[in-house]
Amino acid sequence: MLQKVIIAKVLKLVTSSLAKKFKLSKLLHYMERPNDCDIRVDKLEEDVKELKELAHPCQDFVCTKCGTIAERVDKDVDSFANKLKQIKEK
């Protein structure tokens, strides 16, 4: 019984002295609390989320002649095929 108490006291003393020597309390404080980098990353994530909400949806385009002029294509497959035929005929 007495041995358990002595071992517990010695272990507590050793761990506290090791923590002081290697400054583990500062390390734990740094790891557990948000630092400057964490705050900046959180702000950037919020900005990206806001920009995604504001961005317009992607559009489908098909080049008509030389690659610089583009026409909007309907989602309907038949109209897409008809437009391709018109481009090939020109």
PDB file of N, CA and C in Angstrom:
ATOM      1  N   MET A   1       0.820  -1.185   0.000  1.00  0.00           N
ATOM      2  CA  MET A   1       0.000   0.000   0.000  1.00  0.00           C
ATOM      3  C   MET A   1       0.866   1.252   0.000  1.00  0.00           C
ATOM      4  N   LEU A   2       1.847   1.251   0.876  1.00  0.00           N
ATOM      5  CA  LEU A   2       2.758   2.386   0.984  1.00  0.00           C
ATOM      6  C   LEU A   2       3.589   2.535  -0.289  1.00  0.00           C
ATOM      7  N   GLN A   3       3.917   1.400  -0.916  1.00  0.00           N
ATOM      8  CA  GLN A   3       4.699   1.434  -2.149  1.00  0.00           C
ATOM      9  C   GLN A   3       3.925   2.130  -3.278  1.00  0.00           C
ATOM     10  N   LYS A   4       2.626   1.884  -3.373  1.00  0.00           N
ATOM     11  CA  LYS A   4       1.814   2.522  -4.407  1.00  0.00           C
ATOM     12  C   LYS A   4       1.801   4.030  -4.240  1.00  0.00           C
ATOM     13  N   VAL A   5       1.682   4.492  -3.028  1.00  0.00           N
ATOM     14  CA  VAL A   5       1.658   5.926  -2.750  1.00  0.00           C
ATOM     15  C   VAL A   5       3.005   6.553  -3.108  1.00  0.00           C
ATOM     16  N   ILE A   6       4.094   5.879  -2.733  1.00  0.00           N
ATOM     17  CA  ILE A   6       5.439   6.393  -3.031  1.00  0.00           C
ATOM     18  C   ILE A   6       5.671   6.433  -4.544  1.00  0.00           C
ATOM     19  N   ILE A   7       5.282   5.378  -5.233  1.00  0.00           N
ATOM     20  CA  ILE A   7       5.439   5.325  -6.694  1.00  0.00           C
ATOM     21  C   ILE A   7       4.626   6.424  -7.361  1.00  0.00           C
ATOM     22  N   ALA A   8       3.419   6.645  -6.912  1.00  0.00           N
ATOM     23  CA  ALA A   8       2.575   7.696  -7.483  1.00  0.00           C
ATOM     24  C   ALA A   8       3.195   9.067  -7.277  1.00  0.00           C
ATOM     25  N   LYS A   9       3.711   9.340  -6.089  1.00  0.00           N
ATOM     26  CA  LYS A   9       4.350  10.634  -5.790  1.00  0.00           C
ATOM     27  C   LYS A   9       5.599  10.832  -6.644  1.00  0.00           C
ATOM     28  N   VAL A  10       6.410   9.762  -6.759  1.00  0.00           N
ATOM     29  CA  VAL A  10       7.643   9.851  -7.560  1.00  0.00           C
ATOM     30  C   VAL A  10       7.313  10.093  -9.026  1.00  0.00           C
ATOM     31  N   LEU A  11       6.328   9.363  -9.558  1.00  0.00           N
ATOM     32  CA  LEU A  11       5.938   9.559 -10.955  1.00  0.00           C
ATOM     33  C   LEU A  11       5.412  10.974 -11.207  1.00  0.00           C
ATOM     34  N   LYS A  12       4.644  11.484 -10.259  1.00  0.00           N
ATOM     35  CA  LYS A  12       4.123  12.840 -10.397  1.00  0.00           C
ATOM     36  C   LYS A  12       5.256  13.851 -10.389  1.00  0.00           C
ATOM     37  N   LEU A  13       6.222  13.670  -9.525  1.00  0.00           N
ATOM     38  CA  LEU A  13       7.371  14.560  -9.436  1.00  0.00           C
ATOM     39  C   LEU A  13       8.220  14.496 -10.708  1.00  0.00           C
ATOM     40  N   VAL A  14       8.452  13.282 -11.210  1.00  0.00           N
ATOM     41  CA  VAL A  14       9.261  13.105 -12.424  1.00  0.00           C
ATOM     42  C   VAL A  14       8.564  13.724 -13.634  1.00  0.00           C
ATOM     43  N   THR A  15       7.276  13.477 -13.787  1.00  0.00           N
ATOM     44  CA  THR A  15       6.564  14.031 -14.946  1.00  0.00           C
ATOM     45  C   THR A  15       6.497  15.548 -14.884  1.00  0.00           C
ATOM     46  N   SER A  16       6.310  16.108 -13.709  1.00  0.00           N
ATOM     47  CA  SER A  16       6.272  17.570 -13.617  1.00  0.00           C
ATOM     48  C   SER A  16       7.633  18.182 -13.905  1.00  0.00           C
ATOM     49  N   SER A  17       8.717  17.545 -13.455  1.00  0.00           N
ATOM     50  CA  SER A  17      10.054  18.082 -13.727  1.00  0.00           C
ATOM     51  C   SER A  17      10.398  17.949 -15.214  1.00  0.00           C
ATOM     52  N   LEU A  18       9.980  16.842 -15.858  1.00  0.00           N
ATOM     53  CA  LEU A  18      10.195  16.695 -17.301  1.00  0.00           C
ATOM     54  C   LEU A  18       9.389  17.717 -18.088  1.00  0.00           C
ATOM     55  N   ALA A  19       8.177  17.977 -17.652  1.00  0.00           N
ATOM     56  CA  ALA A  19       7.342  18.960 -18.329  1.00  0.00           C
ATOM     57  C   ALA A  19       7.959  20.352 -18.236  1.00  0.00           C
ATOM     58  N   LYS A  20       8.526  20.683 -17.088  1.00  0.00           N
ATOM     59  CA  LYS A  20       9.179  21.987 -16.935  1.00  0.00           C
ATOM     60  C   LYS A  20      10.441  22.067 -17.783  1.00  0.00           C
ATOM     61  N   LYS A  21      11.223  20.982 -17.801  1.00  0.00           N
ATOM     62  CA  LYS A  21      12.482  21.000 -18.543  1.00  0.00           C
ATOM     63  C   LYS A  21      12.247  21.134 -20.043  1.00  0.00           C
ATOM     64  N   PHE A  22      11.283  20.436 -20.584  1.00  0.00           N
ATOM     65  CA  PHE A  22      11.036  20.461 -22.025  1.00  0.00           C
ATOM     66  C   PHE A  22       9.920  21.437 -22.423  1.00  0.00           C
ATOM     67  N   LYS A  23       9.457  22.239 -21.472  1.00  0.00           N
ATOM     68  CA  LYS A  23       8.438  23.265 -21.711  1.00  0.00           C
ATOM     69  C   LYS A  23       7.197  22.675 -22.396  1.00  0.00           C
ATOM     70  N   LEU A  24       6.719  21.570 -21.869  1.00  0.00           N
ATOM     71  CA  LEU A  24       5.561  20.889 -22.445  1.00  0.00           C
ATOM     72  C   LEU A  24       4.278  21.695 -22.271  1.00  0.00           C
ATOM     73  N   SER A  25       4.201  22.508 -21.241  1.00  0.00           N
ATOM     74  CA  SER A  25       2.981  23.306 -21.050  1.00  0.00           C
ATOM     75  C   SER A  25       2.822  24.318 -22.179  1.00  0.00           C
ATOM     76  N   LYS A  26       3.947  24.912 -22.622  1.00  0.00           N
ATOM     77  CA  LYS A  26       3.880  25.854 -23.746  1.00  0.00           C
ATOM     78  C   LYS A  26       3.511  25.127 -25.033  1.00  0.00           C
ATOM     79  N   LEU A  27       4.049  23.927 -25.200  1.00  0.00           N
ATOM     80  CA  LEU A  27       3.738  23.143 -26.386  1.00  0.00           C
ATOM     81  C   LEU A  27       2.261  22.764 -26.423  1.00  0.00           C
ATOM     82  N   LEU A  28       1.730  22.324 -25.299  1.00  0.00           N
ATOM     83  CA  LEU A  28       0.310  21.982 -25.240  1.00  0.00           C
ATOM     84  C   LEU A  28      -0.562  23.214 -25.468  1.00  0.00           C
ATOM     85  N   HIS A  29      -0.142  24.339 -24.913  1.00  0.00           N
ATOM     86  CA  HIS A  29      -0.878  25.592 -25.113  1.00  0.00           C
ATOM     87  C   HIS A  29      -0.902  25.948 -26.604  1.00  0.00           C
ATOM     88  N   TYR A  30       0.224  25.798 -27.292  1.00  0.00           N
ATOM     89  CA  TYR A  30       0.314  26.102 -28.722  1.00  0.00           C
ATOM     90  C   TYR A  30      -0.553  25.159 -29.546  1.00  0.00           C
ATOM     91  N   MET A  31      -0.576  23.891 -29.172  1.00  0.00           N
ATOM     92  CA  MET A  31      -1.318  22.913 -29.960  1.00  0.00           C
ATOM     93  C   MET A  31      -2.823  22.993 -29.733  1.00  0.00           C
ATOM     94  N   GLU A  32      -3.251  23.329 -28.547  1.00  0.00           N
ATOM     95  CA  GLU A  32      -4.677  23.285 -28.226  1.00  0.00           C
ATOM     96  C   GLU A  32      -5.414  24.561 -28.601  1.00  0.00           C
ATOM     97  N   ARG A  33      -4.763  25.694 -28.542  1.00  0.00           N
ATOM     98  CA  ARG A  33      -5.429  26.964 -28.826  1.00  0.00           C
ATOM     99  C   ARG A  33      -5.165  27.380 -30.260  1.00  0.00           C
ATOM    100  N   PRO A  34      -6.119  28.074 -30.886  1.00  0.00           N
ATOM    101  CA  PRO A  34      -5.902  28.509 -32.271  1.00  0.00           C
ATOM    102  C   PRO A  34      -4.797  29.561 -32.356  1.00  0.00           C
ATOM    103  N   ASN A  35      -3.885  29.376 -33.303  1.00  0.00           N
ATOM    104  CA  ASN A  35      -2.814  30.340 -33.495  1.00  0.00           C
ATOM    105  C   ASN A  35      -3.097  31.180 -34.742  1.00  0.00           C
ATOM    106  N   ASP A  36      -2.145  31.989 -35.143  1.00  0.00           N
ATOM    107  CA  ASP A  36      -2.336  32.912 -36.263  1.00  0.00           C
ATOM    108  C   ASP A  36      -2.665  32.165 -37.560  1.00  0.00           C
ATOM    109  N   CYS A  37      -1.978  31.079 -37.800  1.00  0.00           N
ATOM    110  CA  CYS A  37      -2.214  30.312 -39.034  1.00  0.00           C
ATOM    111  C   CYS A  37      -3.623  29.716 -39.050  1.00  0.00           C
ATOM    112  N   ASP A  38      -4.060  29.187 -37.937  1.00  0.00           N
ATOM    113  CA  ASP A  38      -5.413  28.621 -37.858  1.00  0.00           C
ATOM    114  C   ASP A  38      -6.471  29.685 -38.149  1.00  0.00           C
ATOM    115  N   ILE A  39      -6.271  30.869 -37.605  1.00  0.00           N
ATOM    116  CA  ILE A  39      -7.232  31.957 -37.815  1.00  0.00           C
ATOM    117  C   ILE A  39      -7.272  32.359 -39.280  1.00  0.00           C
ATOM    118  N   ARG A  40      -6.088  32.464 -39.923  1.00  0.00           N
ATOM    119  CA  ARG A  40      -6.052  32.838 -41.339  1.00  0.00           C
ATOM    120  C   ARG A  40      -6.698  31.771 -42.220  1.00  0.00           C
ATOM    121  N   VAL A  41      -6.448  30.505 -41.921  1.00  0.00           N
ATOM    122  CA  VAL A  41      -7.032  29.417 -42.716  1.00  0.00           C
ATOM    123  C   VAL A  41      -8.550  29.413 -42.563  1.00  0.00           C
ATOM    124  N   ASP A  42      -9.049  29.628 -41.359  1.00  0.00           N
ATOM    125  CA  ASP A  42     -10.495  29.685 -41.148  1.00  0.00           C
ATOM    126  C   ASP A  42     -11.120  30.820 -41.942  1.00  0.00           C
ATOM    127  N   LYS A  43     -10.465  31.979 -41.962  1.00  0.00           N
ATOM    128  CA  LYS A  43     -10.989  33.124 -42.719  1.00  0.00           C
ATOM    129  C   LYS A  43     -10.978  32.821 -44.216  1.00  0.00           C
ATOM    130  N   LEU A  44      -9.910  32.193 -44.708  1.00  0.00           N
ATOM    131  CA  LEU A  44      -9.850  31.836 -46.125  1.00  0.00           C
ATOM    132  C   LEU A  44     -10.934  30.833 -46.494  1.00  0.00           C
ATOM    133  N   GLU A  45     -11.212  29.882 -45.625  1.00  0.00           N
ATOM    134  CA  GLU A  45     -12.270  28.908 -45.894  1.00  0.00           C
ATOM    135  C   GLU A  45     -13.628  29.598 -45.962  1.00  0.00           C
ATOM    136  N   GLU A  46     -13.858  30.571 -45.097  1.00  0.00           N
ATOM    137  CA  GLU A  46     -15.112  31.325 -45.140  1.00  0.00           C
ATOM    138  C   GLU A  46     -15.217  32.115 -46.437  1.00  0.00           C
ATOM    139  N   ASP A  47     -14.105  32.725 -46.878  1.00  0.00           N
ATOM    140  CA  ASP A  47     -14.107  33.496 -48.114  1.00  0.00           C
ATOM    141  C   ASP A  47     -14.393  32.606 -49.320  1.00  0.00           C
ATOM    142  N   VAL A  48     -13.794  31.428 -49.351  1.00  0.00           N
ATOM    143  CA  VAL A  48     -14.021  30.501 -50.460  1.00  0.00           C
ATOM    144  C   VAL A  48     -15.473  30.054 -50.483  1.00  0.00           C
ATOM    145  N   LYS A  49     -16.038  29.782 -49.325  1.00  0.00           N
ATOM    146  CA  LYS A  49     -17.440  29.363 -49.257  1.00  0.00           C
ATOM    147  C   LYS A  49     -18.347  30.475 -49.776  1.00  0.00           C
ATOM    148  N   GLU A  50     -18.054  31.712 -49.390  1.00  0.00           N
ATOM    149  CA  GLU A  50     -18.863  32.844 -49.846  1.00  0.00           C
ATOM    150  C   GLU A  50     -18.733  33.041 -51.355  1.00  0.00           C
ATOM    151  N   LEU A  51     -17.524  32.893 -51.888  1.00  0.00           N
ATOM    152  CA  LEU A  51     -17.320  33.049 -53.328  1.00  0.00           C
ATOM    153  C   LEU A  51     -18.034  31.950 -54.114  1.00  0.00           C
ATOM    154  N   LYS A  52     -18.062  30.740 -53.574  1.00  0.00           N
ATOM    155  CA  LYS A  52     -18.781  29.659 -54.245  1.00  0.00           C
ATOM    156  C   LYS A  52     -20.274  29.951 -54.314  1.00  0.00           C
ATOM    157  N   GLU A  53     -20.804  30.560 -53.263  1.00  0.00           N
ATOM    158  CA  GLU A  53     -22.228  30.895 -53.257  1.00  0.00           C
ATOM    159  C   GLU A  53     -22.538  32.011 -54.252  1.00  0.00           C
ATOM    160  N   LEU A  54     -21.608  32.944 -54.431  1.00  0.00           N
ATOM    161  CA  LEU A  54     -21.826  34.080 -55.322  1.00  0.00           C
ATOM    162  C   LEU A  54     -21.550  33.755 -56.785  1.00  0.00           C
ATOM    163  N   ALA A  55     -20.776  32.722 -57.043  1.00  0.00           N
ATOM    164  CA  ALA A  55     -20.372  32.403 -58.406  1.00  0.00           C
ATOM    165  C   ALA A  55     -21.562  31.917 -59.232  1.00  0.00           C
ATOM    166  N   HIS A  56     -21.507  32.230 -60.507  1.00  0.00           N
ATOM    167  CA  HIS A  56     -22.576  31.762 -61.404  1.00  0.00           C
ATOM    168  C   HIS A  56     -22.345  30.295 -61.745  1.00  0.00           C
ATOM    169  N   PRO A  57     -23.398  29.588 -62.113  1.00  0.00           N
ATOM    170  CA  PRO A  57     -23.227  28.181 -62.462  1.00  0.00           C
ATOM    171  C   PRO A  57     -22.435  28.029 -63.759  1.00  0.00           C
ATOM    172  N   CYS A  58     -21.788  26.910 -63.923  1.00  0.00           N
ATOM    173  CA  CYS A  58     -21.004  26.656 -65.125  1.00  0.00           C
ATOM    174  C   CYS A  58     -21.916  26.606 -66.342  1.00  0.00           C
ATOM    175  N   GLN A  59     -21.426  27.103 -67.450  1.00  0.00           N
ATOM    176  CA  GLN A  59     -22.186  27.121 -68.695  1.00  0.00           C
ATOM    177  C   GLN A  59     -21.542  26.167 -69.692  1.00  0.00           C
ATOM    178  N   ASP A  60     -22.378  25.588 -70.557  1.00  0.00           N
ATOM    179  CA  ASP A  60     -21.875  24.721 -71.614  1.00  0.00           C
ATOM    180  C   ASP A  60     -21.763  25.535 -72.896  1.00  0.00           C
ATOM    181  N   PHE A  61     -20.616  25.506 -73.535  1.00  0.00           N
ATOM    182  CA  PHE A  61     -20.404  26.241 -74.778  1.00  0.00           C
ATOM    183  C   PHE A  61     -19.781  25.322 -75.813  1.00  0.00           C
ATOM    184  N   VAL A  62     -20.052  25.628 -77.090  1.00  0.00           N
ATOM    185  CA  VAL A  62     -19.466  24.892 -78.202  1.00  0.00           C
ATOM    186  C   VAL A  62     -18.869  25.914 -79.156  1.00  0.00           C
ATOM    187  N   CYS A  63     -17.665  25.693 -79.594  1.00  0.00           N
ATOM    188  CA  CYS A  63     -17.003  26.590 -80.537  1.00  0.00           C
ATOM    189  C   CYS A  63     -17.667  26.435 -81.901  1.00  0.00           C
ATOM    190  N   THR A  64     -18.030  27.544 -82.560  1.00  0.00           N
ATOM    191  CA  THR A  64     -18.720  27.451 -83.844  1.00  0.00           C
ATOM    192  C   THR A  64     -17.766  27.403 -85.026  1.00  0.00           C
ATOM    193  N   LYS A  65     -16.715  28.229 -85.037  1.00  0.00           N
ATOM    194  CA  LYS A  65     -15.827  28.233 -86.207  1.00  0.00           C
ATOM    195  C   LYS A  65     -14.360  28.098 -85.823  1.00  0.00           C
ATOM    196  N   CYS A  66     -13.824  29.138 -85.259  1.00  0.00           N
ATOM    197  CA  CYS A  66     -12.372  29.173 -85.065  1.00  0.00           C
ATOM    198  C   CYS A  66     -11.951  29.029 -83.611  1.00  0.00           C
ATOM    199  N   GLY A  67     -12.861  28.876 -82.727  1.00  0.00           N
ATOM    200  CA  GLY A  67     -12.513  28.706 -81.332  1.00  0.00           C
ATOM    201  C   GLY A  67     -12.665  29.974 -80.508  1.00  0.00           C
ATOM    202  N   THR A  68     -12.834  31.117 -81.156  1.00  0.00           N
ATOM    203  CA  THR A  68     -12.987  32.348 -80.398  1.00  0.00           C
ATOM    204  C   THR A  68     -14.441  32.722 -80.212  1.00  0.00           C
ATOM    205  N   ILE A  69     -15.271  32.329 -81.150  1.00  0.00           N
ATOM    206  CA  ILE A  69     -16.700  32.621 -81.036  1.00  0.00           C
ATOM    207  C   ILE A  69     -17.390  31.372 -80.508  1.00  0.00           C
ATOM    208  N   ALA A  70     -18.201  31.541 -79.495  1.00  0.00           N
ATOM    209  CA  ALA A  70     -18.879  30.388 -78.901  1.00  0.00           C
ATOM    210  C   ALA A  70     -20.370  30.676 -78.796  1.00  0.00           C
ATOM    211  N   GLU A  71     -21.156  29.659 -78.952  1.00  0.00           N
ATOM    212  CA  GLU A  71     -22.609  29.729 -78.828  1.00  0.00           C
ATOM    213  C   GLU A  71     -23.032  28.908 -77.637  1.00  0.00           C
ATOM    214  N   ARG A  72     -24.084  29.355 -76.971  1.00  0.00           N
ATOM    215  CA  ARG A  72     -24.606  28.563 -75.862  1.00  0.00           C
ATOM    216  C   ARG A  72     -25.351  27.366 -76.420  1.00  0.00           C
ATOM    217  N   VAL A  73     -25.128  26.222 -75.811  1.00  0.00           N
ATOM    218  CA  VAL A  73     -25.732  24.974 -76.268  1.00  0.00           C
ATOM    219  C   VAL A  73     -26.833  24.592 -75.298  1.00  0.00           C
ATOM    220  N   ASP A  74     -27.973  24.172 -75.842  1.00  0.00           N
ATOM    221  CA  ASP A  74     -29.050  23.685 -74.996  1.00  0.00           C
ATOM    222  C   ASP A  74     -28.664  22.332 -74.412  1.00  0.00           C
ATOM    223  N   LYS A  75     -29.287  22.021 -73.302  1.00  0.00           N
ATOM    224  CA  LYS A  75     -29.017  20.728 -72.669  1.00  0.00           C
ATOM    225  C   LYS A  75     -29.614  19.567 -73.460  1.00  0.00           C
ATOM    226  N   ASP A  76     -30.566  19.851 -74.300  1.00  0.00           N
ATOM    227  CA  ASP A  76     -31.226  18.820 -75.082  1.00  0.00           C
ATOM    228  C   ASP A  76     -30.238  18.217 -76.080  1.00  0.00           C
ATOM    229  N   VAL A  77     -30.135  16.918 -76.136  1.00  0.00           N
ATOM    230  CA  VAL A  77     -29.166  16.234 -76.997  1.00  0.00           C
ATOM    231  C   VAL A  77     -29.510  16.437 -78.469  1.00  0.00           C
ATOM    232  N   ASP A  78     -30.787  16.430 -78.820  1.00  0.00           N
ATOM    233  CA  ASP A  78     -31.180  16.586 -80.219  1.00  0.00           C
ATOM    234  C   ASP A  78     -30.779  17.958 -80.749  1.00  0.00           C
ATOM    235  N   SER A  79     -31.018  19.005 -79.983  1.00  0.00           N
ATOM    236  CA  SER A  79     -30.633  20.335 -80.446  1.00  0.00           C
ATOM    237  C   SER A  79     -29.119  20.448 -80.548  1.00  0.00           C
ATOM    238  N   PHE A  80     -28.402  19.764 -79.665  1.00  0.00           N
ATOM    239  CA  PHE A  80     -26.940  19.762 -79.738  1.00  0.00           C
ATOM    240  C   PHE A  80     -26.475  19.091 -81.029  1.00  0.00           C
ATOM    241  N   ALA A  81     -27.088  17.981 -81.378  1.00  0.00           N
ATOM    242  CA  ALA A  81     -26.729  17.277 -82.611  1.00  0.00           C
ATOM    243  C   ALA A  81     -27.060  18.133 -83.826  1.00  0.00           C
ATOM    244  N   ASN A  82     -28.197  18.837 -83.805  1.00  0.00           N
ATOM    245  CA  ASN A  82     -28.570  19.704 -84.919  1.00  0.00           C
ATOM    246  C   ASN A  82     -27.575  20.846 -85.092  1.00  0.00           C
ATOM    247  N   LYS A  83     -27.131  21.428 -84.017  1.00  0.00           N
ATOM    248  CA  LYS A  83     -26.159  22.519 -84.098  1.00  0.00           C
ATOM    249  C   LYS A  83     -24.827  22.016 -84.634  1.00  0.00           C
ATOM    250  N   LEU A  84     -24.439  20.811 -84.253  1.00  0.00           N
ATOM    251  CA  LEU A  84     -23.202  20.251 -84.792  1.00  0.00           C
ATOM    252  C   LEU A  84     -23.309  20.015 -86.286  1.00  0.00           C
ATOM    253  N   LYS A  85     -24.465  19.559 -86.757  1.00  0.00           N
ATOM    254  CA  LYS A  85     -24.667  19.373 -88.187  1.00  0.00           C
ATOM    255  C   LYS A  85     -24.577  20.698 -88.922  1.00  0.00           C
ATOM    256  N   GLN A  86     -25.171  21.756 -88.336  1.00  0.00           N
ATOM    257  CA  GLN A  86     -25.096  23.078 -88.960  1.00  0.00           C
ATOM    258  C   GLN A  86     -23.654  23.570 -89.033  1.00  0.00           C
ATOM    259  N   ILE A  87     -22.890  23.311 -88.049  1.00  0.00           N
ATOM    260  CA  ILE A  87     -21.484  23.745 -88.052  1.00  0.00           C
ATOM    261  C   ILE A  87     -20.712  22.987 -89.118  1.00  0.00           C
ATOM    262  N   LYS A  88     -20.943  21.706 -89.237  1.00  0.00           N
ATOM    263  CA  LYS A  88     -20.238  20.910 -90.240  1.00  0.00           C
ATOM    264  C   LYS A  88     -20.607  21.318 -91.656  1.00  0.00           C
ATOM    265  N   GLU A  89     -21.853  21.732 -91.867  1.00  0.00           N
ATOM    266  CA  GLU A  89     -22.298  22.146 -93.205  1.00  0.00           C
ATOM    267  C   GLU A  89     -21.658  23.456 -93.623  1.00  0.00           C
ATOM    268  N   LYS A  90     -21.313  24.307 -92.698  1.00  0.00           N
ATOM    269  CA  LYS A  90     -20.702  25.606 -93.032  1.00  0.00           C
ATOM    270  C   LYS A  90     -19.298  25.434 -93.415  1.00  0.00           C
TER     271      LYS A  90
END
